[in-house]
């Protein structure tokens, strides 16, 4: 039958391992492949031949794997660039060495481009090796899915923190502003989702160029009216010339992306320097939003697992390659939320950014529309049954890259 390979890439999410568990479980239920091998540290480890046998992972471990944060196989930010033929040739050599027919790659935009590029290389060189993408991203910026695994759990955590810190903020009488920063380089989905709480006064998203004076005017109005102002900003917020509010543009993350972080601190200092408030508090969600397994959305972990199942099931078709699985919303008579799983060409998933709709943004940084709230609400619903240890903490596996 041959074997399959599954690897993870890019920034982890709270449910990325649920997709991994889905691929493993699917093959145990329907053994299309003799072995399920895991690529340690993504395609970077595959290039080095670092593989781990996942075929017979016990059912209890799979359940704990689903709730384990980070990437259980280890991750990477290695960019497979077209034209670097040695890399593509090496991947296929490793697959040949281990009798691997199909590679499943779990990742974001750049990882789906890797699926597309590897598929192109295989087709152009007459290879029958197949490549299938399983999406993940807390930024929720992949086209064409309705939403991406990892985002609902990040949004759930962001809303929990927003509401909790707003209550903490409201306990004081001293004048100050509160600024919460979320991930979101090119799209403001995560920051916008915080408005579900009803606690956000102003939200700054990458989809609208930042205008300093207009923003400060709104902060001043909030402070004058209520003596407080709770602000949420996406890390990718920028001026009209593309300059980020945050620092760190000189570095990159391996995918030639600017390393962001610091937008909230910049806004806080801007407000203080303008004399609108004497002090401010900054809360940066950063990696907490993508690693908080205790705050998984039940919808999210279920869909992430099901996408792993779907990718494996579809790969039973020998012609299934250069494809990515995804989630859309099924039409229901009562309008209730229901996921529908689909597959589409990897080229349609890679190198596109799904921006938060500007028509869902209220003017003057004032929040989001009811349509946006309706979009977000079902995604964060429910909590999975978390398995706890005797120490009172959620159980996690020992990552395979550390074994």
Protein backbone atom coordinates (compact mmCIF):
# COMPACT_ATOMS: atom_id res chain seq x y z
CA UNK A 1 0.00 0.00 0.00
CA UNK A 2 2.83 2.41 0.72
CA UNK A 3 3.07 4.94 3.53
CA UNK A 4 1.99 8.50 4.19
CA UNK A 5 3.79 11.41 5.77
CA UNK A 6 2.29 14.20 7.86
CA UNK A 7 4.11 17.33 9.02
CA UNK A 8 3.31 20.69 10.61
CA UNK A 9 4.61 24.13 9.72
CA UNK A 10 4.38 27.77 10.75
CA UNK A 11 2.96 29.13 13.99
CA UNK A 12 1.13 26.51 16.06
CA UNK A 13 -2.50 26.76 17.16
CA UNK A 14 -4.46 25.32 20.07
CA UNK A 15 -5.94 22.66 17.74
CA UNK A 16 -3.23 21.94 15.17
CA UNK A 17 -2.62 18.57 16.82
CA UNK A 18 -6.28 17.66 16.44
CA UNK A 19 -5.74 17.64 12.67
CA UNK A 20 -2.68 15.45 13.16
CA UNK A 21 -4.74 13.12 15.35
CA UNK A 22 -7.41 13.05 12.63
CA UNK A 23 -4.97 11.76 10.01
CA UNK A 24 -3.62 9.10 12.39
CA UNK A 25 -7.08 7.98 13.53
CA UNK A 26 -8.40 7.88 9.97
CA UNK A 27 -5.67 5.48 8.93
CA UNK A 28 -6.31 3.27 11.95
CA UNK A 29 -9.98 3.07 11.00
CA UNK A 30 -9.32 2.72 7.27
CA UNK A 31 -5.69 1.71 6.66
CA UNK A 32 -5.09 3.21 3.25
CA UNK A 33 -1.40 3.35 4.16
CA UNK A 34 0.86 0.80 5.85
CA UNK A 35 2.43 3.46 8.05
CA UNK A 36 1.74 7.05 9.10
CA UNK A 37 5.08 8.80 9.47
CA UNK A 38 5.52 12.20 11.07
CA UNK A 39 7.96 14.76 9.75
CA UNK A 40 9.91 16.28 12.65
CA UNK A 41 10.06 20.09 12.40
CA UNK A 42 8.07 20.31 9.19
CA UNK A 43 9.59 20.18 5.75
CA UNK A 44 12.91 21.24 7.25
CA UNK A 45 13.09 17.94 9.13
CA UNK A 46 11.79 16.03 6.13
CA UNK A 47 14.72 17.34 4.12
CA UNK A 48 16.99 15.83 6.78
CA UNK A 49 15.09 12.54 6.85
CA UNK A 50 13.86 13.05 10.42
CA UNK A 51 10.68 10.97 10.65
CA UNK A 52 8.70 9.44 13.51
CA UNK A 53 6.34 6.46 13.28
CA UNK A 54 2.81 7.48 14.32
CA UNK A 55 0.97 4.49 12.90
CA UNK A 56 -0.05 2.82 16.14
CA UNK A 57 -0.49 5.74 18.53
CA UNK A 58 -2.91 4.38 21.18
CA UNK A 59 -6.44 5.81 21.34
CA UNK A 60 -5.95 7.37 24.83
CA UNK A 61 -2.83 9.17 23.57
CA UNK A 62 -4.72 10.44 20.51
CA UNK A 63 -7.31 12.01 22.80
CA UNK A 64 -4.59 13.79 24.76
CA UNK A 65 -2.84 14.73 21.50
CA UNK A 66 -6.02 16.56 20.44
CA UNK A 67 -5.80 18.82 23.49
CA UNK A 68 -2.02 19.29 23.48
CA UNK A 69 -0.99 22.82 22.43
CA UNK A 70 1.88 23.71 20.11
CA UNK A 71 3.01 21.48 17.26
CA UNK A 72 3.50 17.94 18.56
CA UNK A 73 5.87 17.13 15.70
CA UNK A 74 7.74 20.39 15.99
CA UNK A 75 7.41 23.14 13.42
CA UNK A 76 9.55 25.27 11.11
CA UNK A 77 9.47 28.42 9.04
CA UNK A 78 11.50 27.05 6.16
CA UNK A 79 10.38 28.40 2.81
CA UNK A 80 10.35 25.95 -0.12
CA UNK A 81 11.13 28.33 -2.97
CA UNK A 82 10.46 27.51 -6.59
CA UNK A 83 13.75 27.26 -8.42
CA UNK A 84 15.57 25.66 -5.50
CA UNK A 85 15.43 22.29 -7.22
CA UNK A 86 17.70 20.55 -4.73
CA UNK A 87 15.07 20.91 -1.98
CA UNK A 88 12.26 19.52 -4.11
CA UNK A 89 14.42 16.65 -5.30
CA UNK A 90 15.44 15.84 -1.73
CA UNK A 91 11.84 15.71 -0.46
CA UNK A 92 10.95 13.19 -3.16
CA UNK A 93 14.10 11.19 -2.37
CA UNK A 94 13.10 10.95 1.29
CA UNK A 95 9.61 9.89 0.25
CA UNK A 96 11.11 7.20 -1.99
CA UNK A 97 13.45 6.02 0.75
CA UNK A 98 10.51 5.47 3.11
CA UNK A 99 8.00 4.24 0.52
CA UNK A 100 5.82 7.34 1.07
CA UNK A 101 3.05 7.92 -1.46
CA UNK A 102 1.33 10.95 0.06
CA UNK A 103 2.42 13.90 2.20
CA UNK A 104 -0.11 15.80 4.32
CA UNK A 105 1.09 19.27 5.30
CA UNK A 106 -0.67 21.12 8.13
CA UNK A 107 -0.01 24.84 8.02
CA UNK A 108 -0.95 28.33 6.93
CA UNK A 109 -0.61 30.38 3.78
CA UNK A 110 3.06 29.66 3.11
CA UNK A 111 2.60 25.98 3.90
CA UNK A 112 -0.21 25.71 1.37
CA UNK A 113 2.15 27.30 -1.15
CA UNK A 114 4.61 24.52 -0.29
CA UNK A 115 1.88 21.96 -1.09
CA UNK A 116 1.29 23.68 -4.42
CA UNK A 117 5.00 23.95 -5.24
CA UNK A 118 5.75 20.32 -4.36
CA UNK A 119 2.77 19.21 -6.43
CA UNK A 120 4.03 21.22 -9.40
CA UNK A 121 7.50 19.74 -9.06
CA UNK A 122 6.14 16.20 -8.88
CA UNK A 123 3.95 16.71 -11.94
CA UNK A 124 6.73 18.34 -13.95
CA UNK A 125 9.19 15.55 -13.15
CA UNK A 126 6.77 12.70 -13.79
CA UNK A 127 6.56 11.67 -10.14
CA UNK A 128 3.39 10.09 -8.77
CA UNK A 129 4.00 11.48 -5.26
CA UNK A 130 0.99 13.32 -3.88
CA UNK A 131 0.69 16.37 -1.62
CA UNK A 132 -2.35 17.44 0.40
CA UNK A 133 -2.83 20.52 2.58
CA UNK A 134 -4.67 20.83 5.89
CA UNK A 135 -5.06 24.50 6.85
CA UNK A 136 -4.47 26.18 10.18
CA UNK A 137 -3.98 29.79 11.26
CA UNK A 138 -5.06 31.95 14.17
CA UNK A 139 -5.13 34.89 11.75
CA UNK A 140 -8.10 33.38 9.84
CA UNK A 141 -6.79 34.88 6.62
CA UNK A 142 -6.85 31.93 4.21
CA UNK A 143 -8.91 31.99 1.05
CA UNK A 144 -11.38 30.35 0.26
CA UNK A 145 -12.51 28.69 3.57
CA UNK A 146 -15.16 30.34 5.71
CA UNK A 147 -12.71 30.12 8.60
CA UNK A 148 -9.54 28.26 9.53
CA UNK A 149 -8.82 25.77 12.33
CA UNK A 150 -7.03 27.52 15.16
CA UNK A 151 -8.85 30.81 14.76
CA UNK A 152 -12.03 29.94 16.73
CA UNK A 153 -10.00 28.85 19.78
CA UNK A 154 -7.78 31.92 19.56
CA UNK A 155 -10.92 34.07 19.34
CA UNK A 156 -12.44 32.31 22.33
CA UNK A 157 -9.32 32.95 24.42
CA UNK A 158 -9.17 36.55 23.21
CA UNK A 159 -12.77 37.14 24.27
CA UNK A 160 -12.20 35.54 27.67
CA UNK A 161 -9.18 37.76 28.28
CA UNK A 162 -10.94 40.85 26.95
CA UNK A 163 -13.89 40.48 29.30
CA UNK A 164 -11.79 39.51 32.32
CA UNK A 165 -9.34 42.39 31.88
CA UNK A 166 -12.19 44.84 31.24
CA UNK A 167 -13.72 43.91 34.59
CA UNK A 168 -10.32 44.35 36.21
CA UNK A 169 -9.90 47.70 34.46
CA UNK A 170 -13.31 48.90 35.63
CA UNK A 171 -12.41 48.29 39.28
CA UNK A 172 -10.24 51.41 39.38
CA UNK A 173 -11.17 55.08 39.49
CA UNK A 174 -7.83 56.42 38.28
CA UNK A 175 -7.83 57.72 34.69
CA UNK A 176 -6.00 55.42 32.34
CA UNK A 177 -6.45 53.64 29.03
CA UNK A 178 -6.27 49.91 28.43
CA UNK A 179 -4.81 48.55 25.17
CA UNK A 180 -4.96 44.87 24.23
CA UNK A 181 -2.90 43.59 21.30
CA UNK A 182 -3.75 40.49 19.27
CA UNK A 183 -2.03 38.63 16.48
CA UNK A 184 -3.03 39.46 12.92
CA UNK A 185 -0.35 40.60 10.48
CA UNK A 186 -2.44 41.31 7.40
CA UNK A 187 -5.98 40.70 8.64
CA UNK A 188 -7.83 41.88 11.72
CA UNK A 189 -10.14 38.92 12.32
CA UNK A 190 -8.81 38.14 15.79
CA UNK A 191 -8.83 41.71 17.04
CA UNK A 192 -12.31 42.27 15.59
CA UNK A 193 -13.64 39.15 17.31
CA UNK A 194 -12.97 40.72 20.71
CA UNK A 195 -15.96 42.97 20.07
CA UNK A 196 -18.20 39.98 20.82
CA UNK A 197 -17.76 40.82 24.50
CA UNK A 198 -19.39 44.24 24.19
CA UNK A 199 -16.45 45.60 26.21
CA UNK A 200 -14.38 47.15 23.41
CA UNK A 201 -14.57 50.91 22.93
CA UNK A 202 -12.20 51.21 19.96
CA UNK A 203 -10.65 48.63 17.63
CA UNK A 204 -7.73 49.24 15.26
CA UNK A 205 -7.40 46.80 12.35
CA UNK A 206 -4.93 46.40 9.45
CA UNK A 207 -7.76 46.72 6.92
CA UNK A 208 -8.01 50.47 7.54
CA UNK A 209 -5.01 52.79 7.44
CA UNK A 210 -4.29 54.23 10.86
CA UNK A 211 -4.79 57.99 11.20
CA UNK A 212 -3.21 59.28 14.39
CA UNK A 213 -5.21 62.46 14.92
CA UNK A 214 -8.56 60.82 14.13
CA UNK A 215 -7.79 57.97 16.53
CA UNK A 216 -6.69 60.26 19.34
CA UNK A 217 -9.86 62.31 18.90
CA UNK A 218 -11.95 59.18 19.51
CA UNK A 219 -9.90 58.26 22.57
CA UNK A 220 -10.39 61.77 23.95
CA UNK A 221 -14.15 61.53 23.43
CA UNK A 222 -14.31 58.21 25.29
CA UNK A 223 -12.23 59.52 28.17
CA UNK A 224 -14.36 62.67 28.42
CA UNK A 225 -17.62 60.72 28.33
CA UNK A 226 -16.82 57.78 30.59
CA UNK A 227 -13.39 58.29 32.10
CA UNK A 228 -12.05 55.16 30.45
CA UNK A 229 -11.24 53.67 27.06
CA UNK A 230 -10.67 49.97 26.27
CA UNK A 231 -8.83 49.54 22.96
CA UNK A 232 -8.00 46.43 20.93
CA UNK A 233 -5.33 46.62 18.23
CA UNK A 234 -4.09 44.07 15.73
CA UNK A 235 -0.31 43.66 15.57
CA UNK A 236 -0.43 44.48 11.85
CA UNK A 237 -2.04 47.91 12.21
CA UNK A 238 -0.26 50.36 9.92
CA UNK A 239 -0.19 53.86 8.49
CA UNK A 240 -1.19 54.72 4.93
CA UNK A 241 2.38 54.27 3.69
CA UNK A 242 2.43 50.71 5.03
CA UNK A 243 4.61 51.47 8.04
CA UNK A 244 3.60 49.31 11.00
CA UNK A 245 2.72 50.93 14.31
CA UNK A 246 4.91 48.34 15.99
CA UNK A 247 8.65 47.88 16.03
CA UNK A 248 10.77 45.13 14.59
CA UNK A 249 10.32 45.61 10.86
CA UNK A 250 14.01 45.09 10.22
CA UNK A 251 13.88 41.41 11.15
CA UNK A 252 11.97 38.60 9.49
CA UNK A 253 10.50 35.28 10.57
CA UNK A 254 12.02 33.05 7.90
CA UNK A 255 9.15 33.62 5.47
CA UNK A 256 10.35 37.21 4.79
CA UNK A 257 7.61 38.59 7.03
CA UNK A 258 8.38 41.49 9.35
CA UNK A 259 8.50 40.43 13.00
CA UNK A 260 5.72 42.37 14.68
CA UNK A 261 4.81 43.14 18.27
CA UNK A 262 4.47 46.40 20.13
CA UNK A 263 1.45 48.06 18.51
CA UNK A 264 -0.37 48.28 21.84
CA UNK A 265 2.61 49.84 23.58
CA UNK A 266 2.93 52.35 20.74
CA UNK A 267 -0.74 53.36 21.06
CA UNK A 268 -0.52 53.63 24.83
CA UNK A 269 2.50 55.90 24.64
CA UNK A 270 0.87 57.95 21.89
CA UNK A 271 -2.16 58.56 24.11
CA UNK A 272 -0.05 59.45 27.15
CA UNK A 273 2.18 61.78 25.14
CA UNK A 274 -0.92 63.53 23.80
CA UNK A 275 -2.00 64.24 27.39
CA UNK A 276 -5.30 62.38 27.02
CA UNK A 277 -4.56 60.02 29.93
CA UNK A 278 -1.70 60.07 32.44
CA UNK A 279 -1.07 56.35 32.16
CA UNK A 280 -2.08 53.22 30.31
CA UNK A 281 -2.11 49.46 30.68
CA UNK A 282 -0.97 47.11 27.90
CA UNK A 283 -1.95 43.46 27.49
CA UNK A 284 -0.32 41.49 24.68
CA UNK A 285 -2.05 38.19 23.89
CA UNK A 286 0.75 37.11 21.54
CA UNK A 287 1.39 33.36 21.84
CA UNK A 288 -1.18 32.86 24.58
CA UNK A 289 -3.96 33.06 22.00
CA UNK A 290 -2.52 30.20 19.97
CA UNK A 291 -1.38 27.91 22.78
CA UNK A 292 -4.19 28.07 25.36
CA UNK A 293 -5.45 24.49 25.07
CA UNK A 294 -7.61 25.00 28.17
CA UNK A 295 -9.72 27.46 26.16
CA UNK A 296 -10.28 25.40 23.02
CA UNK A 297 -13.52 26.03 21.16
CA UNK A 298 -15.44 22.76 20.80
CA UNK A 299 -16.36 23.76 17.25
CA UNK A 300 -12.69 24.36 16.50
CA UNK A 301 -11.23 21.13 17.86
CA UNK A 302 -14.00 19.10 16.24
CA UNK A 303 -13.49 20.70 12.84
CA UNK A 304 -9.69 20.45 13.03
CA UNK A 305 -9.96 16.72 13.75
CA UNK A 306 -12.56 16.23 11.02
CA UNK A 307 -10.35 17.98 8.47
CA UNK A 308 -7.60 15.49 9.23
CA UNK A 309 -10.11 12.69 8.67
CA UNK A 310 -11.34 14.34 5.47
CA UNK A 311 -7.85 14.80 4.01
CA UNK A 312 -6.97 11.18 4.66
CA UNK A 313 -10.30 9.88 3.32
CA UNK A 314 -10.05 11.90 0.11
CA UNK A 315 -6.51 10.67 -0.47
CA UNK A 316 -7.91 7.19 -1.10
CA UNK A 317 -8.49 8.56 -4.61
CA UNK A 318 -5.15 8.12 -6.41
CA UNK A 319 -5.82 11.32 -8.36
CA UNK A 320 -6.24 13.42 -5.22
CA UNK A 321 -3.21 15.69 -5.07
CA UNK A 322 -2.36 19.41 -5.04
CA UNK A 323 -5.51 19.86 -2.98
CA UNK A 324 -6.33 21.49 0.37
CA UNK A 325 -9.29 20.64 2.57
CA UNK A 326 -11.34 23.38 4.20
CA UNK A 327 -14.53 24.38 6.01
CA UNK A 328 -17.52 26.30 4.71
CA UNK A 329 -20.91 27.01 6.25
CA UNK A 330 -23.70 24.73 5.13
CA UNK A 331 -27.09 26.25 4.46
CA UNK A 332 -29.61 25.07 7.06
CA UNK A 333 -33.39 25.66 7.16
CA UNK A 334 -33.24 27.39 10.53
CA UNK A 335 -30.01 29.27 9.88
CA UNK A 336 -28.15 27.31 12.56
CA UNK A 337 -24.42 26.90 12.14
CA UNK A 338 -23.27 23.70 10.45
CA UNK A 339 -19.86 23.03 8.89
CA UNK A 340 -19.42 21.62 5.40
CA UNK A 341 -16.07 20.15 4.38
CA UNK A 342 -14.67 20.62 0.90
CA UNK A 343 -11.42 20.40 -1.04
CA UNK A 344 -9.96 22.80 -3.58
CA UNK A 345 -6.75 23.38 -5.54
CA UNK A 346 -3.80 24.36 -3.36
CA UNK A 347 -3.12 27.26 -5.73
CA UNK A 348 -6.40 28.83 -4.60
CA UNK A 349 -5.35 28.69 -0.93
CA UNK A 350 -1.78 29.89 -1.29
CA UNK A 351 -0.52 33.48 -1.50
CA UNK A 352 -3.89 35.15 -0.95
CA UNK A 353 -5.04 37.03 2.15
CA UNK A 354 -8.67 37.11 3.24
CA UNK A 355 -9.10 40.52 4.81
CA UNK A 356 -11.70 41.33 7.42
CA UNK A 357 -14.49 42.94 5.36
CA UNK A 358 -14.35 46.72 5.54
CA UNK A 359 -18.15 46.79 5.29
CA UNK A 360 -18.19 45.01 8.65
CA UNK A 361 -16.18 47.81 10.26
CA UNK A 362 -17.90 50.71 11.99
CA UNK A 363 -16.49 54.19 11.35
CA UNK A 364 -14.10 55.97 13.71
CA UNK A 365 -12.64 52.74 15.09
CA UNK A 366 -16.03 52.16 16.71
CA UNK A 367 -16.26 48.36 16.45
CA UNK A 368 -17.93 45.93 14.08
CA UNK A 369 -21.40 45.36 12.63
CA UNK A 370 -24.06 42.86 13.67
CA UNK A 371 -23.21 40.78 10.57
CA UNK A 372 -19.68 40.38 11.86
CA UNK A 373 -20.92 39.40 15.30
CA UNK A 374 -23.17 36.77 13.71
CA UNK A 375 -20.18 35.39 11.84
CA UNK A 376 -18.04 35.07 14.97
CA UNK A 377 -20.60 33.91 17.52
CA UNK A 378 -21.03 30.22 16.57
CA UNK A 379 -17.30 29.65 16.10
CA UNK A 380 -16.39 30.09 19.76
CA UNK A 381 -19.31 28.03 21.06
CA UNK A 382 -18.84 25.10 23.39
CA UNK A 383 -15.93 23.53 25.22
CA UNK A 384 -14.47 20.06 24.65
CA UNK A 385 -14.15 17.62 27.54
CA UNK A 386 -10.61 18.30 28.73
CA UNK A 387 -8.68 15.41 30.28
CA UNK A 388 -6.92 16.58 33.45
CA UNK A 389 -4.01 15.08 35.33
CA UNK A 390 -3.59 14.58 39.07
CA UNK A 391 -1.80 17.95 39.21
CA UNK A 392 -5.01 19.71 38.17
CA UNK A 393 -3.63 20.71 34.76
CA UNK A 394 -4.75 19.53 31.31
CA UNK A 395 -2.82 16.46 30.23
CA UNK A 396 -0.43 16.84 27.29
CA UNK A 397 1.73 14.37 25.41
CA UNK A 398 5.51 14.50 25.24
CA UNK A 399 6.04 16.14 21.83
CA UNK A 400 7.32 13.70 19.23
CA UNK A 401 10.17 16.04 18.31
CA UNK A 402 11.43 15.72 21.92
CA UNK A 403 11.31 11.92 22.12
